[in-house]
Amino acid sequence: MSVATKVLIRILAIGLLHCGHCRAQCPVDTVIVKGRVENANAHSKVRVQLVYPKEKRGESGEVTVEDGAFKIPIEFVTEQSSIFSNLPKRCSRKPRAIVITLLESDQASDEVDLAFPRDFQMEDASAYTLRSELVLKGPR
């Protein structure tokens, strides 16, 4: 085997090792917020906002209340960012709180702040659901 062939084999082997490491990604988890609204009207919406440490706002979503109930899944990436790109990925990013807001004609009518993970339970390996029923109060 020639020297050039040996060098080429080493380069390919190192490249394959690095590619295998580069493909390892952190999972995407989901927070599922389900509840009901007392005195909901036809224009009632619920907004869910994830809040991370240092009051950093994260992923959010809105859903229209139907028949006084709502359910909204919010996905979040668990990869912890780092200023050093050569460090291994950390998959521990999680919100510290979940803010749920009832909107009536785009105005906040009721709001609940829930602690994460204390107010949630793991439904499966990547999904969190509320430990108890959530009830928001609409206008009377």
C-alpha atoms as a PDB file:
ATOM      1  CA  MET A   1       0.000   0.000   0.000  1.00  0.00           C
ATOM      2  CA  SER A   2       1.421   3.373  -0.957  1.00  0.00           C
ATOM      3  CA  VAL A   3       1.975   6.247   1.443  1.00  0.00           C
ATOM      4  CA  ALA A   4      -0.674   8.307  -0.377  1.00  0.00           C
ATOM      5  CA  THR A   5      -3.255   5.540   0.089  1.00  0.00           C
ATOM      6  CA  LYS A   6      -2.461   5.227   3.809  1.00  0.00           C
ATOM      7  CA  VAL A   7      -2.827   9.002   4.257  1.00  0.00           C
ATOM      8  CA  LEU A   8      -6.117   8.970   2.358  1.00  0.00           C
ATOM      9  CA  ILE A   9      -7.449   6.128   4.546  1.00  0.00           C
ATOM     10  CA  ARG A  10      -6.481   8.040   7.715  1.00  0.00           C
ATOM     11  CA  ILE A  11      -8.182  11.219   6.473  1.00  0.00           C
ATOM     12  CA  LEU A  12     -11.357   9.295   5.642  1.00  0.00           C
ATOM     13  CA  ALA A  13     -11.354   7.538   9.020  1.00  0.00           C
ATOM     14  CA  ILE A  14     -10.910  10.810  10.907  1.00  0.00           C
ATOM     15  CA  GLY A  15     -13.618  12.431   8.778  1.00  0.00           C
ATOM     16  CA  LEU A  16     -16.046   9.617   9.540  1.00  0.00           C
ATOM     17  CA  LEU A  17     -15.358   9.877  13.261  1.00  0.00           C
ATOM     18  CA  HIS A  18     -16.010  13.611  13.227  1.00  0.00           C
ATOM     19  CA  CYS A  19     -19.181  13.240  11.130  1.00  0.00           C
ATOM     20  CA  GLY A  20     -20.577  10.734  13.601  1.00  0.00           C
ATOM     21  CA  HIS A  21     -19.948  13.170  16.431  1.00  0.00           C
ATOM     22  CA  CYS A  22     -21.382  16.135  14.490  1.00  0.00           C
ATOM     23  CA  ARG A  23     -24.661  14.364  13.811  1.00  0.00           C
ATOM     24  CA  ALA A  24     -25.443  13.763  17.460  1.00  0.00           C
ATOM     25  CA  GLN A  25     -28.189  16.253  18.199  1.00  0.00           C
ATOM     26  CA  CYS A  26     -30.196  17.157  21.242  1.00  0.00           C
ATOM     27  CA  PRO A  27     -33.846  16.125  21.311  1.00  0.00           C
ATOM     28  CA  VAL A  28     -36.807  18.422  20.830  1.00  0.00           C
ATOM     29  CA  ASP A  29     -39.158  18.283  23.820  1.00  0.00           C
ATOM     30  CA  THR A  30     -42.791  19.396  23.973  1.00  0.00           C
ATOM     31  CA  VAL A  31     -44.847  21.166  26.625  1.00  0.00           C
ATOM     32  CA  ILE A  32     -48.546  20.379  26.196  1.00  0.00           C
ATOM     33  CA  VAL A  33     -50.865  22.876  27.882  1.00  0.00           C
ATOM     34  CA  LYS A  34     -54.484  21.769  28.089  1.00  0.00           C
ATOM     35  CA  GLY A  35     -57.307  23.400  29.994  1.00  0.00           C
ATOM     36  CA  ARG A  36     -60.655  25.119  29.909  1.00  0.00           C
ATOM     37  CA  VAL A  37     -61.974  28.654  29.995  1.00  0.00           C
ATOM     38  CA  GLU A  38     -64.949  29.740  32.086  1.00  0.00           C
ATOM     39  CA  ASN A  39     -67.197  32.243  30.266  1.00  0.00           C
ATOM     40  CA  ALA A  40     -65.314  31.938  26.976  1.00  0.00           C
ATOM     41  CA  ASN A  41     -66.663  33.854  23.995  1.00  0.00           C
ATOM     42  CA  ALA A  42     -66.295  33.245  20.257  1.00  0.00           C
ATOM     43  CA  HIS A  43     -63.092  35.329  20.086  1.00  0.00           C
ATOM     44  CA  SER A  44     -61.272  33.833  23.077  1.00  0.00           C
ATOM     45  CA  LYS A  45     -57.679  32.751  22.446  1.00  0.00           C
ATOM     46  CA  VAL A  46     -54.984  31.312  24.672  1.00  0.00           C
ATOM     47  CA  ARG A  47     -51.310  32.240  24.295  1.00  0.00           C
ATOM     48  CA  VAL A  48     -48.577  30.066  25.792  1.00  0.00           C
ATOM     49  CA  GLN A  49     -45.062  31.520  26.213  1.00  0.00           C
ATOM     50  CA  LEU A  50     -41.985  29.651  27.473  1.00  0.00           C
ATOM     51  CA  VAL A  51     -39.674  31.678  29.718  1.00  0.00           C
ATOM     52  CA  TYR A  52     -36.043  30.701  30.253  1.00  0.00           C
ATOM     53  CA  PRO A  53     -33.594  31.762  32.976  1.00  0.00           C
ATOM     54  CA  LYS A  54     -32.782  35.485  33.148  1.00  0.00           C
ATOM     55  CA  GLU A  55     -36.371  36.205  31.974  1.00  0.00           C
ATOM     56  CA  LYS A  56     -35.452  35.314  28.405  1.00  0.00           C
ATOM     57  CA  ARG A  57     -38.630  34.798  26.365  1.00  0.00           C
ATOM     58  CA  GLY A  58     -38.673  31.700  24.206  1.00  0.00           C
ATOM     59  CA  GLU A  59     -41.050  29.706  22.072  1.00  0.00           C
ATOM     60  CA  SER A  60     -44.741  30.603  22.052  1.00  0.00           C
ATOM     61  CA  GLY A  61     -48.010  29.783  20.358  1.00  0.00           C
ATOM     62  CA  GLU A  62     -51.700  30.696  20.289  1.00  0.00           C
ATOM     63  CA  VAL A  63     -54.860  28.654  19.917  1.00  0.00           C
ATOM     64  CA  THR A  64     -58.549  29.547  19.688  1.00  0.00           C
ATOM     65  CA  VAL A  65     -60.750  28.303  22.511  1.00  0.00           C
ATOM     66  CA  GLU A  66     -63.334  25.823  21.221  1.00  0.00           C
ATOM     67  CA  ASP A  67     -66.350  24.819  23.311  1.00  0.00           C
ATOM     68  CA  GLY A  68     -64.645  26.292  26.368  1.00  0.00           C
ATOM     69  CA  ALA A  69     -61.526  24.121  26.032  1.00  0.00           C
ATOM     70  CA  PHE A  70     -58.049  24.420  24.544  1.00  0.00           C
ATOM     71  CA  LYS A  71     -54.950  22.333  23.975  1.00  0.00           C
ATOM     72  CA  ILE A  72     -51.663  23.618  22.625  1.00  0.00           C
ATOM     73  CA  PRO A  73     -48.304  21.855  22.227  1.00  0.00           C
ATOM     74  CA  ILE A  74     -45.147  24.016  22.262  1.00  0.00           C
ATOM     75  CA  GLU A  75     -41.896  22.407  21.116  1.00  0.00           C
ATOM     76  CA  PHE A  76     -38.491  23.525  22.390  1.00  0.00           C
ATOM     77  CA  VAL A  77     -34.949  22.478  21.555  1.00  0.00           C
ATOM     78  CA  THR A  78     -33.031  21.156  24.558  1.00  0.00           C
ATOM     79  CA  GLU A  79     -29.603  22.082  23.172  1.00  0.00           C
ATOM     80  CA  GLN A  80     -27.778  24.478  25.468  1.00  0.00           C
ATOM     81  CA  SER A  81     -25.872  27.034  23.423  1.00  0.00           C
ATOM     82  CA  SER A  82     -22.196  27.593  24.139  1.00  0.00           C
ATOM     83  CA  ILE A  83     -19.742  30.211  22.965  1.00  0.00           C
ATOM     84  CA  PHE A  84     -17.188  27.435  22.532  1.00  0.00           C
ATOM     85  CA  SER A  85     -18.065  25.376  19.471  1.00  0.00           C
ATOM     86  CA  ASN A  86     -15.523  22.644  20.236  1.00  0.00           C
ATOM     87  CA  LEU A  87     -17.251  21.585  23.477  1.00  0.00           C
ATOM     88  CA  PRO A  88     -19.658  18.643  23.387  1.00  0.00           C
ATOM     89  CA  LYS A  89     -23.320  19.567  23.102  1.00  0.00           C
ATOM     90  CA  ARG A  90     -25.308  19.827  26.312  1.00  0.00           C
ATOM     91  CA  CYS A  91     -28.943  18.854  26.077  1.00  0.00           C
ATOM     92  CA  SER A  92     -30.236  20.420  29.281  1.00  0.00           C
ATOM     93  CA  ARG A  93     -32.008  23.579  28.041  1.00  0.00           C
ATOM     94  CA  LYS A  94     -35.436  23.804  29.660  1.00  0.00           C
ATOM     95  CA  PRO A  95     -37.786  26.681  30.406  1.00  0.00           C
ATOM     96  CA  ARG A  96     -38.074  27.840  34.004  1.00  0.00           C
ATOM     97  CA  ALA A  97     -41.671  28.995  33.618  1.00  0.00           C
ATOM     98  CA  ILE A  98     -44.674  28.804  31.318  1.00  0.00           C
ATOM     99  CA  VAL A  99     -46.949  31.854  30.995  1.00  0.00           C
ATOM    100  CA  ILE A 100     -50.515  31.149  29.869  1.00  0.00           C
ATOM    101  CA  THR A 101     -52.602  34.176  28.865  1.00  0.00           C
ATOM    102  CA  LEU A 102     -56.298  34.311  27.987  1.00  0.00           C
ATOM    103  CA  LEU A 103     -56.892  36.868  25.241  1.00  0.00           C
ATOM    104  CA  GLU A 104     -60.278  38.477  24.663  1.00  0.00           C
ATOM    105  CA  SER A 105     -60.247  40.662  21.529  1.00  0.00           C
ATOM    106  CA  ASP A 106     -56.416  40.685  21.714  1.00  0.00           C
ATOM    107  CA  GLN A 107     -56.472  42.024  25.296  1.00  0.00           C
ATOM    108  CA  ALA A 108     -55.215  39.966  28.250  1.00  0.00           C
ATOM    109  CA  SER A 109     -58.176  38.840  30.338  1.00  0.00           C
ATOM    110  CA  ASP A 110     -56.507  36.293  32.649  1.00  0.00           C
ATOM    111  CA  GLU A 111     -52.933  35.085  33.091  1.00  0.00           C
ATOM    112  CA  VAL A 112     -51.307  32.189  34.914  1.00  0.00           C
ATOM    113  CA  ASP A 113     -47.587  31.636  35.495  1.00  0.00           C
ATOM    114  CA  LEU A 114     -46.571  28.022  36.038  1.00  0.00           C
ATOM    115  CA  ALA A 115     -43.201  26.794  37.278  1.00  0.00           C
ATOM    116  CA  PHE A 116     -41.346  24.329  35.103  1.00  0.00           C
ATOM    117  CA  PRO A 117     -40.884  21.469  35.774  1.00  0.00           C
ATOM    118  CA  ARG A 118     -42.682  21.597  39.163  1.00  0.00           C
ATOM    119  CA  ASP A 119     -46.200  22.090  37.721  1.00  0.00           C
ATOM    120  CA  PHE A 120     -45.655  19.540  34.943  1.00  0.00           C
ATOM    121  CA  GLN A 121     -45.139  15.798  34.645  1.00  0.00           C
ATOM    122  CA  MET A 122     -43.428  13.774  31.959  1.00  0.00           C
ATOM    123  CA  GLU A 123     -46.009  12.180  29.689  1.00  0.00           C
ATOM    124  CA  ASP A 124     -43.352  10.283  27.741  1.00  0.00           C
ATOM    125  CA  ALA A 125     -39.644  10.652  26.977  1.00  0.00           C
ATOM    126  CA  SER A 126     -40.071  14.055  25.313  1.00  0.00           C
ATOM    127  CA  ALA A 127     -43.459  15.487  26.362  1.00  0.00           C
ATOM    128  CA  TYR A 128     -44.561  17.317  29.507  1.00  0.00           C
ATOM    129  CA  THR A 129     -48.195  17.817  30.542  1.00  0.00           C
ATOM    130  CA  LEU A 130     -49.817  19.707  33.414  1.00  0.00           C
ATOM    131  CA  ARG A 131     -50.083  17.947  36.765  1.00  0.00           C
ATOM    132  CA  SER A 132     -53.535  19.432  37.405  1.00  0.00           C
ATOM    133  CA  GLU A 133     -56.383  20.973  35.443  1.00  0.00           C
ATOM    134  CA  LEU A 134     -55.892  24.551  34.263  1.00  0.00           C
ATOM    135  CA  VAL A 135     -58.929  26.856  34.391  1.00  0.00           C
ATOM    136  CA  LEU A 136     -58.789  30.375  33.007  1.00  0.00           C
ATOM    137  CA  LYS A 137     -61.561  32.874  33.782  1.00  0.00           C
ATOM    138  CA  GLY A 138     -63.080  34.853  30.929  1.00  0.00           C
ATOM    139  CA  PRO A 139     -65.078  38.068  31.294  1.00  0.00           C
ATOM    140  CA  ARG A 140     -68.522  37.766  32.863  1.00  0.00           C
END
